[in-house]
Amino acid sequence: MDFLLGKITRSHSDIDLVTWIQHREHLEQALVNDGFQLKPVSEFQTDFLKNNVNVSFVFVRYSDNGDIVANGFPEWVWRKDALPMRPYNLRGISMNVLNPYQLLEEKKFTNKEQEGHFVQRILKAWKLFKRSLM
């Protein structure tokens, strides 16, 4: 979300990332070599810990039908536009960001107040995203 907005909006205790399954082995080895503690979760996710910061990677792949799916969960079909190739920059770091509509579809909310706050942030980010394409 912060990359879409171009600023850090709040303090974060974790980082959530997505990458293709074919990068998993290399990614895990590189982060372990850099001092991260490996915490395998499932065939679709690996977590890491370093300096009290949790880093989670969800791994996706293409299904036989050409859909983007979470590895190990073929019924979890992602939007065709879930992974736009436009990089965003924040404090000298550049990365691609999930489509805000994909973020909305993924989130599970624990209460209505959190849901409303999150939806407002997503909609604001989406407006900035659309403006950047013009």
Foldseek 3Di string as FASTA:
>chain_A
DCLLVQHDDDDDQEAEEEDALVCVVVVVVVVVVVPWAWDCDDSQKIWTDDPRHIYMYGHWDADPVRFIATVPCNVRTFDPQQWDPDWGDYPHDIDTHGQLVRVLVPDDDPDPVVNVVSVVVSVVSNVSVVVVVD
